């Protein structure tokens, strides 16, 4: 197929936005919400989403970065819109859970189950509308700071000013466990006592779906929480709790100090950005909770149609719905073709293109492949300051955790809550995603791990055991010695 028959990206700036391991149905969700018209949260941004060999990559395609500033202006003029975004997230999460749990799934007909699956996909798309809105705000705010201040100062402001007023759910969970561990230690209680287990159960009930993600991330169990509590009790939990509270207070004071010297314009921007940081975390908390309940729908269809859950999740929405609703046979050969490589192109209400297999290969070669970095030096944004040397470990998903050794520098597309238990072993983090609200940006600062974010394709540029220097004061990663 000739180049001109594709959606032509000539003249566009192609900006990498997201990258992670994923089932195909999630990529389908993302492409659909970027195309859908939406009165409250109009995206109106050309997006390219590539699903290839179990991973998706998302790009914004724009002709002028003023596009993001126009989007941000809507929220500067009316900051209350972010309150509506939060209510929108809550509404769609709870609506989805209520529908899924309304009637025992085993009592539904195949057609009813197919309709429920379609509804689940739609609720995911609605939730992701909010996430995309927050990503666009994120982009605009980074540009505002970097266009107005020297680079290092801009990144310092971004890291220290855009801390949410409300604590992330990972911090909430950590505080709850530390408080319980401190109480057990101070009162000499037995961890297996009824009152301790009741309190632990309450913490578990509030947070256990945090570790879910877009691929095969494991769900936390009560045993996992019990083990966390045991480990906290080994290391003076009162001291750890005090350290965490002091850190939160220090960050708050530093933010207040910097906020005072900002112009009125940047005070408005910071207020919006800080709230967006929390809402991005709230979105993921909500999407994970909906996903937990949605898992039962996949399990029921899997049982009836004699197809594995991973195979079902790797079908397109249309194929999965037709499989259960109409009994249309699973086309394994076709599924393998689009699973190997599919590219979706979306522009709200105007463009909806999909290239599979060989066509996706051609489109990638024409528009998406960039030249390999041969300089041995990569520039990103500092998310948490520090200078570290160590060996690279490429981490795509939890199955790669076992290869991490103490002091290693992990190279990731992004992190998620499922990464938190292993982060105490790492010396530094380098990430492809670079947004203010990206999990890696937030968690690296919370755990005080030197971190450089926003380096496209870094998981492909580096290899395990490459010797690196991560200068997270300047946002620079250097290869000292290649494997």
Protein backbone atom coordinates (compact mmCIF):
# COMPACT_ATOMS: atom_id res chain seq x y z
CA UNK A 1 0.00 0.00 0.00
CA UNK A 2 1.34 3.42 -0.95
CA UNK A 3 2.18 5.93 1.74
CA UNK A 4 -0.53 8.37 0.63
CA UNK A 5 -3.24 5.77 1.27
CA UNK A 6 -2.40 5.71 4.97
CA UNK A 7 -3.28 8.42 7.48
CA UNK A 8 -0.31 10.61 6.64
CA UNK A 9 1.71 11.89 9.63
CA UNK A 10 3.93 14.14 7.54
CA UNK A 11 3.99 17.58 9.14
CA UNK A 12 2.92 16.27 12.56
CA UNK A 13 4.98 16.19 15.71
CA UNK A 14 4.79 12.62 17.02
CA UNK A 15 5.02 12.64 20.82
CA UNK A 16 5.36 9.33 22.72
CA UNK A 17 2.81 9.32 25.55
CA UNK A 18 2.37 5.84 27.04
CA UNK A 19 4.02 2.45 26.85
CA UNK A 20 3.24 -0.73 28.78
CA UNK A 21 2.53 -4.44 28.68
CA UNK A 22 -1.13 -4.97 27.83
CA UNK A 23 -3.81 -7.34 26.66
CA UNK A 24 -5.30 -6.44 23.29
CA UNK A 25 -8.72 -5.51 24.68
CA UNK A 26 -7.11 -2.61 26.62
CA UNK A 27 -5.52 -1.28 23.43
CA UNK A 28 -8.98 -1.49 21.85
CA UNK A 29 -10.41 0.47 24.82
CA UNK A 30 -7.82 3.22 24.40
CA UNK A 31 -8.34 3.55 20.64
CA UNK A 32 -12.11 3.71 21.06
CA UNK A 33 -12.14 6.40 23.74
CA UNK A 34 -9.79 8.56 21.66
CA UNK A 35 -12.27 8.38 18.80
CA UNK A 36 -15.57 8.78 20.67
CA UNK A 37 -17.29 12.15 20.76
CA UNK A 38 -17.75 13.42 24.29
CA UNK A 39 -19.51 16.60 25.40
CA UNK A 40 -17.85 16.91 28.81
CA UNK A 41 -14.35 15.54 28.05
CA UNK A 42 -13.62 16.12 24.36
CA UNK A 43 -10.14 14.82 23.53
CA UNK A 44 -9.87 16.38 20.04
CA UNK A 45 -6.28 15.17 19.70
CA UNK A 46 -4.97 12.83 17.01
CA UNK A 47 -3.67 9.69 18.70
CA UNK A 48 -1.78 6.72 17.36
CA UNK A 49 -1.89 3.52 19.36
CA UNK A 50 0.30 0.58 18.49
CA UNK A 51 -0.23 -2.90 19.94
CA UNK A 52 2.70 -5.15 19.21
CA UNK A 53 3.71 -8.45 20.80
CA UNK A 54 1.89 -7.90 24.09
CA UNK A 55 2.69 -4.20 24.55
CA UNK A 56 0.96 -1.00 23.56
CA UNK A 57 2.53 2.34 22.71
CA UNK A 58 0.49 5.54 22.49
CA UNK A 59 1.50 8.72 20.68
CA UNK A 60 -0.03 12.17 20.31
CA UNK A 61 0.18 13.59 16.80
CA UNK A 62 -0.01 17.39 16.75
CA UNK A 63 1.04 20.20 14.46
CA UNK A 64 1.65 22.78 17.18
CA UNK A 65 2.27 22.43 20.93
CA UNK A 66 -0.17 25.30 21.45
CA UNK A 67 -2.74 22.53 21.07
CA UNK A 68 -2.04 21.44 24.66
CA UNK A 69 -2.14 25.02 25.97
CA UNK A 70 -5.62 25.53 24.49
CA UNK A 71 -6.74 22.41 26.31
CA UNK A 72 -5.26 23.63 29.61
CA UNK A 73 -6.93 27.04 29.28
CA UNK A 74 -10.32 25.39 29.67
CA UNK A 75 -9.36 24.32 33.20
CA UNK A 76 -7.58 27.57 34.08
CA UNK A 77 -10.77 29.46 33.24
CA UNK A 78 -12.88 27.00 35.24
CA UNK A 79 -10.86 25.01 37.84
CA UNK A 80 -14.13 23.50 39.14
CA UNK A 81 -14.09 21.28 36.05
CA UNK A 82 -11.61 19.03 37.89
CA UNK A 83 -14.26 18.43 40.57
CA UNK A 84 -16.52 17.22 37.77
CA UNK A 85 -13.75 14.95 36.48
CA UNK A 86 -13.52 13.30 39.90
CA UNK A 87 -17.30 12.83 40.08
CA UNK A 88 -17.24 11.46 36.53
CA UNK A 89 -14.63 8.85 37.50
CA UNK A 90 -16.60 7.83 40.60
CA UNK A 91 -19.89 7.63 38.71
CA UNK A 92 -18.53 5.39 35.95
CA UNK A 93 -16.66 3.11 38.35
CA UNK A 94 -19.68 2.57 40.57
CA UNK A 95 -22.09 2.26 37.64
CA UNK A 96 -19.90 -0.49 36.18
CA UNK A 97 -19.57 -2.40 39.45
CA UNK A 98 -23.31 -2.13 40.18
CA UNK A 99 -24.21 -3.53 36.76
CA UNK A 100 -21.73 -6.42 36.99
CA UNK A 101 -22.84 -7.45 40.48
CA UNK A 102 -26.60 -6.89 40.00
CA UNK A 103 -27.34 -10.51 39.11
CA UNK A 104 -25.32 -13.75 39.46
CA UNK A 105 -23.42 -14.15 36.19
CA UNK A 106 -24.23 -17.86 36.04
CA UNK A 107 -27.94 -16.96 35.64
CA UNK A 108 -27.38 -14.76 32.58
CA UNK A 109 -28.04 -16.02 29.07
CA UNK A 110 -25.14 -15.88 26.62
CA UNK A 111 -26.68 -12.83 24.96
CA UNK A 112 -27.07 -11.07 28.32
CA UNK A 113 -23.47 -11.92 29.17
CA UNK A 114 -22.35 -10.51 25.83
CA UNK A 115 -24.27 -7.30 26.54
CA UNK A 116 -22.61 -7.10 29.97
CA UNK A 117 -19.17 -7.50 28.38
CA UNK A 118 -19.97 -4.69 25.93
CA UNK A 119 -21.07 -2.52 28.88
CA UNK A 120 -17.84 -3.31 30.74
CA UNK A 121 -15.78 -2.23 27.73
CA UNK A 122 -17.81 0.98 27.50
CA UNK A 123 -17.32 1.83 31.19
CA UNK A 124 -13.58 1.30 30.76
CA UNK A 125 -13.65 3.70 27.82
CA UNK A 126 -15.50 6.31 29.88
CA UNK A 127 -12.99 6.03 32.72
CA UNK A 128 -10.10 6.38 30.28
CA UNK A 129 -11.62 9.57 28.91
CA UNK A 130 -10.76 11.12 32.26
CA UNK A 131 -7.25 9.68 32.13
CA UNK A 132 -6.62 11.14 28.67
CA UNK A 133 -7.89 14.54 29.86
CA UNK A 134 -5.37 14.44 32.72
CA UNK A 135 -2.58 13.42 30.34
CA UNK A 136 -3.28 16.42 28.10
CA UNK A 137 -3.23 18.75 31.13
CA UNK A 138 0.03 17.09 32.15
CA UNK A 139 1.61 17.77 28.75
CA UNK A 140 0.58 21.42 28.79
CA UNK A 141 1.91 22.08 32.30
CA UNK A 142 5.32 20.53 31.56
CA UNK A 143 5.58 22.78 28.47
CA UNK A 144 4.57 25.83 30.54
CA UNK A 145 7.39 25.30 33.03
CA UNK A 146 10.02 24.31 30.47
CA UNK A 147 9.21 27.27 28.24
CA UNK A 148 9.43 29.72 31.17
CA UNK A 149 12.38 28.52 33.29
CA UNK A 150 15.86 27.06 32.74
CA UNK A 151 15.54 23.28 32.27
CA UNK A 152 16.89 22.09 35.64
CA UNK A 153 14.91 24.72 37.52
CA UNK A 154 11.76 23.83 35.56
CA UNK A 155 12.13 20.13 36.41
CA UNK A 156 12.79 20.97 40.06
CA UNK A 157 9.61 23.04 40.17
CA UNK A 158 7.63 20.30 38.46
CA UNK A 159 8.81 17.66 40.94
CA UNK A 160 8.25 19.76 44.05
CA UNK A 161 5.24 21.92 43.23
CA UNK A 162 2.94 19.42 41.59
CA UNK A 163 2.53 17.21 44.64
CA UNK A 164 -1.13 16.49 45.29
CA UNK A 165 -2.78 17.83 48.46
CA UNK A 166 -4.38 14.44 48.93
CA UNK A 167 -2.13 11.45 49.46
CA UNK A 168 -1.75 8.80 46.78
CA UNK A 169 -3.38 5.46 47.46
CA UNK A 170 0.02 3.78 47.78
CA UNK A 171 0.91 6.25 50.57
CA UNK A 172 -2.50 5.79 52.19
CA UNK A 173 -1.95 2.03 52.21
CA UNK A 174 1.59 2.39 53.58
CA UNK A 175 0.45 4.74 56.34
CA UNK A 176 -2.38 2.40 57.35
CA UNK A 177 -0.03 -0.59 57.58
CA UNK A 178 2.63 1.38 59.49
CA UNK A 179 0.02 2.63 61.98
CA UNK A 180 -1.20 -0.92 62.56
CA UNK A 181 2.36 -2.25 62.90
CA UNK A 182 3.20 0.54 65.37
CA UNK A 183 0.10 -0.25 67.44
CA UNK A 184 0.97 -3.96 67.53
CA UNK A 185 4.55 -3.18 68.55
CA UNK A 186 3.67 -0.60 71.22
CA UNK A 187 0.88 -2.64 72.82
CA UNK A 188 2.72 -5.97 72.44
CA UNK A 189 -0.23 -7.46 70.58
CA UNK A 190 -0.13 -10.74 68.71
CA UNK A 191 -0.34 -10.32 64.96
CA UNK A 192 -2.73 -13.28 64.71
CA UNK A 193 -5.12 -11.93 67.34
CA UNK A 194 -8.72 -11.31 66.27
CA UNK A 195 -8.49 -7.52 66.64
CA UNK A 196 -5.25 -7.29 64.61
CA UNK A 197 -6.59 -9.50 61.84
CA UNK A 198 -9.83 -7.50 61.73
CA UNK A 199 -7.86 -4.27 61.29
CA UNK A 200 -5.64 -5.88 58.66
CA UNK A 201 -8.72 -7.17 56.84
CA UNK A 202 -10.09 -3.61 56.74
CA UNK A 203 -6.86 -2.31 55.17
CA UNK A 204 -6.91 -5.19 52.70
CA UNK A 205 -10.54 -4.48 51.74
CA UNK A 206 -9.66 -0.85 50.95
CA UNK A 207 -6.58 -1.46 48.79
CA UNK A 208 -6.15 -5.06 47.57
CA UNK A 209 -6.85 -4.29 43.89
CA UNK A 210 -4.08 -1.64 43.74
CA UNK A 211 -1.59 -4.04 42.14
CA UNK A 212 -3.79 -4.81 39.13
CA UNK A 213 -2.79 -3.41 35.77
CA UNK A 214 -3.29 -3.90 32.05
CA UNK A 215 -1.67 -7.28 31.65
CA UNK A 216 -1.12 -10.22 34.04
CA UNK A 217 -0.25 -8.35 37.23
CA UNK A 218 -1.14 -10.47 40.28
CA UNK A 219 -3.93 -9.50 42.66
CA UNK A 220 -2.75 -8.96 46.24
CA UNK A 221 -3.95 -11.52 48.78
CA UNK A 222 -4.59 -11.20 52.51
CA UNK A 223 -1.49 -13.35 53.00
CA UNK A 224 0.55 -10.73 51.10
CA UNK A 225 -0.71 -8.05 53.49
CA UNK A 226 0.06 -10.25 56.47
CA UNK A 227 3.63 -10.68 55.18
CA UNK A 228 3.95 -6.90 54.71
CA UNK A 229 2.90 -6.43 58.32
CA UNK A 230 5.41 -9.03 59.55
CA UNK A 231 8.23 -7.30 57.65
CA UNK A 232 7.25 -3.88 59.03
CA UNK A 233 7.36 -5.26 62.57
CA UNK A 234 10.99 -6.33 62.04
CA UNK A 235 12.16 -2.75 61.38
CA UNK A 236 10.91 -0.43 64.14
CA UNK A 237 7.59 0.61 62.55
CA UNK A 238 7.25 3.68 64.82
CA UNK A 239 10.45 5.09 63.34
CA UNK A 240 9.33 4.31 59.79
CA UNK A 241 5.96 5.90 60.44
CA UNK A 242 7.62 9.00 61.87
CA UNK A 243 10.00 9.20 58.89
CA UNK A 244 7.11 8.99 56.43
CA UNK A 245 5.08 11.67 58.23
CA UNK A 246 8.16 13.93 58.42
CA UNK A 247 8.79 13.44 54.71
CA UNK A 248 5.20 14.41 53.88
CA UNK A 249 5.55 17.52 56.07
CA UNK A 250 8.88 18.49 54.46
CA UNK A 251 7.41 18.19 50.98
CA UNK A 252 4.44 20.31 52.01
CA UNK A 253 6.71 23.03 53.45
CA UNK A 254 8.93 23.05 50.37
CA UNK A 255 5.89 23.32 48.12
CA UNK A 256 4.48 26.21 50.17
CA UNK A 257 7.85 27.99 50.05
CA UNK A 258 8.12 27.68 46.27
CA UNK A 259 4.43 28.48 45.72
CA UNK A 260 4.80 31.87 47.42
CA UNK A 261 7.32 33.13 44.87
CA UNK A 262 5.29 32.10 41.81
CA UNK A 263 3.42 34.54 39.63
CA UNK A 264 -0.41 34.46 39.77
CA UNK A 265 -0.40 32.66 36.41
CA UNK A 266 1.79 29.82 37.67
CA UNK A 267 -0.10 29.58 40.97
CA UNK A 268 -3.19 28.72 38.94
CA UNK A 269 -1.25 26.22 36.85
CA UNK A 270 0.24 24.54 39.93
CA UNK A 271 -3.15 24.28 41.62
CA UNK A 272 -4.57 22.53 38.56
CA UNK A 273 -1.52 20.31 38.12
CA UNK A 274 -1.44 19.18 41.75
CA UNK A 275 -5.10 18.21 41.63
CA UNK A 276 -4.54 16.41 38.29
CA UNK A 277 -1.75 14.40 39.95
CA UNK A 278 -4.18 13.11 42.56
CA UNK A 279 -6.94 12.49 40.03
CA UNK A 280 -4.64 10.40 37.82
CA UNK A 281 -3.98 8.20 40.84
CA UNK A 282 -7.71 8.16 41.64
CA UNK A 283 -8.45 7.13 38.05
CA UNK A 284 -6.06 4.16 38.30
CA UNK A 285 -7.48 3.19 41.70
CA UNK A 286 -10.97 3.28 40.15
CA UNK A 287 -10.02 1.49 36.92
CA UNK A 288 -8.34 -1.26 38.94
CA UNK A 289 -11.41 -1.67 41.14
CA UNK A 290 -13.69 -1.96 38.11
CA UNK A 291 -11.22 -4.39 36.55
CA UNK A 292 -11.35 -6.58 39.66
CA UNK A 293 -15.13 -6.96 39.32
CA UNK A 294 -14.92 -7.25 35.52
CA UNK A 295 -12.62 -10.24 35.88
CA UNK A 296 -15.64 -12.34 36.84
CA UNK A 297 -17.24 -11.59 33.45
CA UNK A 298 -14.17 -12.89 31.61
CA UNK A 299 -14.07 -15.96 33.85
CA UNK A 300 -17.72 -16.82 33.14
CA UNK A 301 -17.30 -16.43 29.37
CA UNK A 302 -14.10 -18.47 29.50
CA UNK A 303 -15.90 -21.31 31.26
CA UNK A 304 -18.83 -21.35 28.82
CA UNK A 305 -16.92 -20.94 25.58
CA UNK A 306 -13.92 -23.16 26.46
CA UNK A 307 -11.42 -20.40 25.78
CA UNK A 308 -8.69 -19.27 28.17
CA UNK A 309 -9.08 -15.87 29.84
CA UNK A 310 -5.83 -14.52 28.28
CA UNK A 311 -7.04 -15.59 24.80
CA UNK A 312 -10.38 -13.89 25.47
CA UNK A 313 -8.68 -10.68 26.62
CA UNK A 314 -6.56 -10.72 23.49
CA UNK A 315 -9.62 -10.62 21.21
CA UNK A 316 -11.00 -7.40 19.79
CA UNK A 317 -14.15 -6.12 21.49
CA UNK A 318 -16.29 -7.12 18.51
CA UNK A 319 -14.88 -10.65 18.32
CA UNK A 320 -15.22 -11.27 22.07
CA UNK A 321 -18.82 -10.01 22.15
CA UNK A 322 -19.77 -12.04 19.06
CA UNK A 323 -18.15 -15.13 20.55
CA UNK A 324 -20.47 -15.19 23.56
CA UNK A 325 -23.56 -13.44 22.13
CA UNK A 326 -23.77 -15.12 18.73
CA UNK A 327 -21.56 -18.17 19.14
CA UNK A 328 -19.29 -17.04 16.28
CA UNK A 329 -16.26 -19.31 16.38
CA UNK A 330 -12.99 -17.91 17.68
CA UNK A 331 -10.83 -17.16 14.62
CA UNK A 332 -7.44 -18.02 16.09
CA UNK A 333 -5.49 -17.24 12.90
CA UNK A 334 -7.00 -13.76 12.53
CA UNK A 335 -6.57 -13.02 16.24
CA UNK A 336 -2.90 -13.94 16.06
CA UNK A 337 -2.41 -11.55 13.14
CA UNK A 338 -3.81 -8.48 14.86
CA UNK A 339 -2.31 -9.54 18.16
CA UNK A 340 1.12 -9.63 16.58
CA UNK A 341 0.79 -6.07 15.32
CA UNK A 342 -2.10 -3.59 15.10
CA UNK A 343 -2.09 0.19 14.79
CA UNK A 344 -5.14 2.30 15.63
CA UNK A 345 -5.39 5.96 14.56
CA UNK A 346 -8.08 8.13 16.15
CA UNK A 347 -9.24 11.73 16.05
CA UNK A 348 -12.41 12.49 17.99
CA UNK A 349 -15.39 11.87 15.75
CA UNK A 350 -13.38 12.31 12.54
CA UNK A 351 -10.68 9.67 12.04
CA UNK A 352 -10.91 5.99 12.91
CA UNK A 353 -8.32 3.85 11.15
CA UNK A 354 -7.02 0.38 11.98
CA UNK A 355 -4.11 -1.39 10.30
CA UNK A 356 -3.34 -5.02 11.10
CA UNK A 357 -0.46 -7.38 10.43
CA UNK A 358 1.59 -6.48 7.36
CA UNK A 359 -0.17 -3.13 6.95
CA UNK A 360 0.74 -2.23 10.54
CA UNK A 361 4.35 -3.22 9.82
CA UNK A 362 4.43 -0.88 6.82
CA UNK A 363 2.85 2.00 8.72
CA UNK A 364 5.31 1.61 11.59
CA UNK A 365 8.23 1.67 9.16
CA UNK A 366 6.91 4.78 7.42
CA UNK A 367 5.98 6.88 10.44
CA UNK A 368 6.83 5.42 13.84
CA UNK A 369 10.39 4.12 13.76
CA UNK A 370 12.99 6.63 14.91
CA UNK A 371 16.75 6.41 14.51
CA UNK A 372 18.61 4.55 17.23
CA UNK A 373 20.55 6.72 19.69
CA UNK A 374 24.27 6.13 19.06
CA UNK A 375 25.64 8.84 21.36
CA UNK A 376 25.42 6.76 24.54
CA UNK A 377 23.67 9.65 26.33
CA UNK A 378 19.94 10.15 26.84
CA UNK A 379 18.08 13.22 28.07
CA UNK A 380 14.85 13.09 30.02
CA UNK A 381 13.26 14.88 32.96
CA UNK A 382 14.34 14.54 36.56
CA UNK A 383 11.48 13.17 38.67
CA UNK A 384 13.59 12.64 41.83
CA UNK A 385 17.12 13.98 42.18
CA UNK A 386 20.29 11.99 42.80
CA UNK A 387 23.38 10.53 41.10
CA UNK A 388 23.71 6.75 40.81
CA UNK A 389 25.88 4.26 38.95
CA UNK A 390 24.82 0.68 38.43
CA UNK A 391 23.77 -2.04 36.02
CA UNK A 392 20.69 -1.85 33.81
CA UNK A 393 17.78 -4.25 34.23
CA UNK A 394 15.03 -4.06 31.60
CA UNK A 395 11.70 -4.61 33.38
CA UNK A 396 8.52 -5.02 31.35
CA UNK A 397 6.30 -6.78 33.89
CA UNK A 398 6.38 -8.56 37.28
CA UNK A 399 7.80 -11.69 35.66
CA UNK A 400 11.08 -9.74 35.28
CA UNK A 401 11.35 -8.82 38.99
CA UNK A 402 13.44 -11.86 39.88
CA UNK A 403 16.45 -10.59 37.93
CA UNK A 404 16.74 -7.35 39.97
CA UNK A 405 19.75 -7.22 42.29
CA UNK A 406 20.43 -4.69 45.04
CA UNK A 407 21.45 -1.34 43.54
CA UNK A 408 20.39 -2.13 39.97
CA UNK A 409 18.98 0.59 37.74
CA UNK A 410 15.63 -0.53 36.42
CA UNK A 411 14.64 0.54 32.91
CA UNK A 412 10.87 0.59 32.53
CA UNK A 413 8.07 1.79 30.31
CA UNK A 414 6.29 2.89 33.49
CA UNK A 415 5.87 1.48 36.98
CA UNK A 416 2.65 0.51 38.75
CA UNK A 417 1.63 -0.32 42.32
CA UNK A 418 2.73 -3.91 41.71
CA UNK A 419 6.32 -2.58 41.47
CA UNK A 420 6.32 -1.04 44.94
CA UNK A 421 7.48 -4.14 46.92
CA UNK A 422 10.67 -4.45 44.81
CA UNK A 423 11.61 -0.77 44.66
CA UNK A 424 13.56 -0.92 47.93
CA UNK A 425 16.15 -2.98 46.02
CA UNK A 426 16.77 -0.56 43.15
CA UNK A 427 19.37 2.19 42.93
CA UNK A 428 17.54 4.30 40.34
CA UNK A 429 14.69 4.24 37.83
CA UNK A 430 14.72 5.26 34.17
CA UNK A 431 11.37 5.44 32.42
CA UNK A 432 9.91 5.92 28.96
CA UNK A 433 6.81 7.66 30.31
CA UNK A 434 7.50 11.15 31.54
CA UNK A 435 4.29 12.79 32.66
CA UNK A 436 3.88 14.60 35.97
CA UNK A 437 1.06 12.23 36.83
CA UNK A 438 2.79 9.04 35.63
CA UNK A 439 3.07 6.49 38.43
CA UNK A 440 6.85 6.39 38.10
CA UNK A 441 7.10 10.17 38.60
CA UNK A 442 4.98 10.05 41.74
CA UNK A 443 6.33 6.88 43.38
CA UNK A 444 10.02 7.70 42.80
CA UNK A 445 9.54 10.97 44.68
CA UNK A 446 7.55 9.28 47.46
CA UNK A 447 10.26 6.64 47.97
CA UNK A 448 13.16 9.05 47.29
CA UNK A 449 14.62 6.96 44.46
CA UNK A 450 16.71 8.87 41.87
CA UNK A 451 14.65 8.82 38.71
CA UNK A 452 14.81 10.12 35.14
CA UNK A 453 11.61 9.92 33.09
CA UNK A 454 10.44 10.70 29.57
CA UNK A 455 13.08 8.91 27.43
CA UNK A 456 11.26 7.31 24.47
CA UNK A 457 12.19 3.71 23.58
CA UNK A 458 14.82 3.52 26.34
CA UNK A 459 13.75 -0.08 27.08
CA UNK A 460 14.90 -0.94 23.54
CA UNK A 461 18.01 1.27 23.51
CA UNK A 462 19.52 -0.43 26.58
CA UNK A 463 20.18 -4.05 27.52
CA UNK A 464 20.50 -5.95 30.78
CA UNK A 465 23.92 -5.48 32.40
CA UNK A 466 24.79 -2.25 30.54
CA UNK A 467 26.78 -0.13 32.99
CA UNK A 468 25.03 3.22 33.50
CA UNK A 469 25.30 6.56 35.21
CA UNK A 470 21.95 8.14 36.09
CA UNK A 471 22.34 11.84 36.83
CA UNK A 472 18.84 12.58 38.06
CA UNK A 473 19.95 16.09 39.05
CA UNK A 474 20.25 16.96 35.37
CA UNK A 475 17.93 14.34 33.86
CA UNK A 476 20.76 12.58 31.99
CA UNK A 477 21.45 8.86 31.56
CA UNK A 478 24.88 7.80 30.26
CA UNK A 479 26.08 4.42 29.10
CA UNK A 480 29.45 3.82 30.77
CA UNK A 481 29.97 0.39 29.25
CA UNK A 482 27.82 -1.64 26.90
CA UNK A 483 27.21 -5.32 27.60
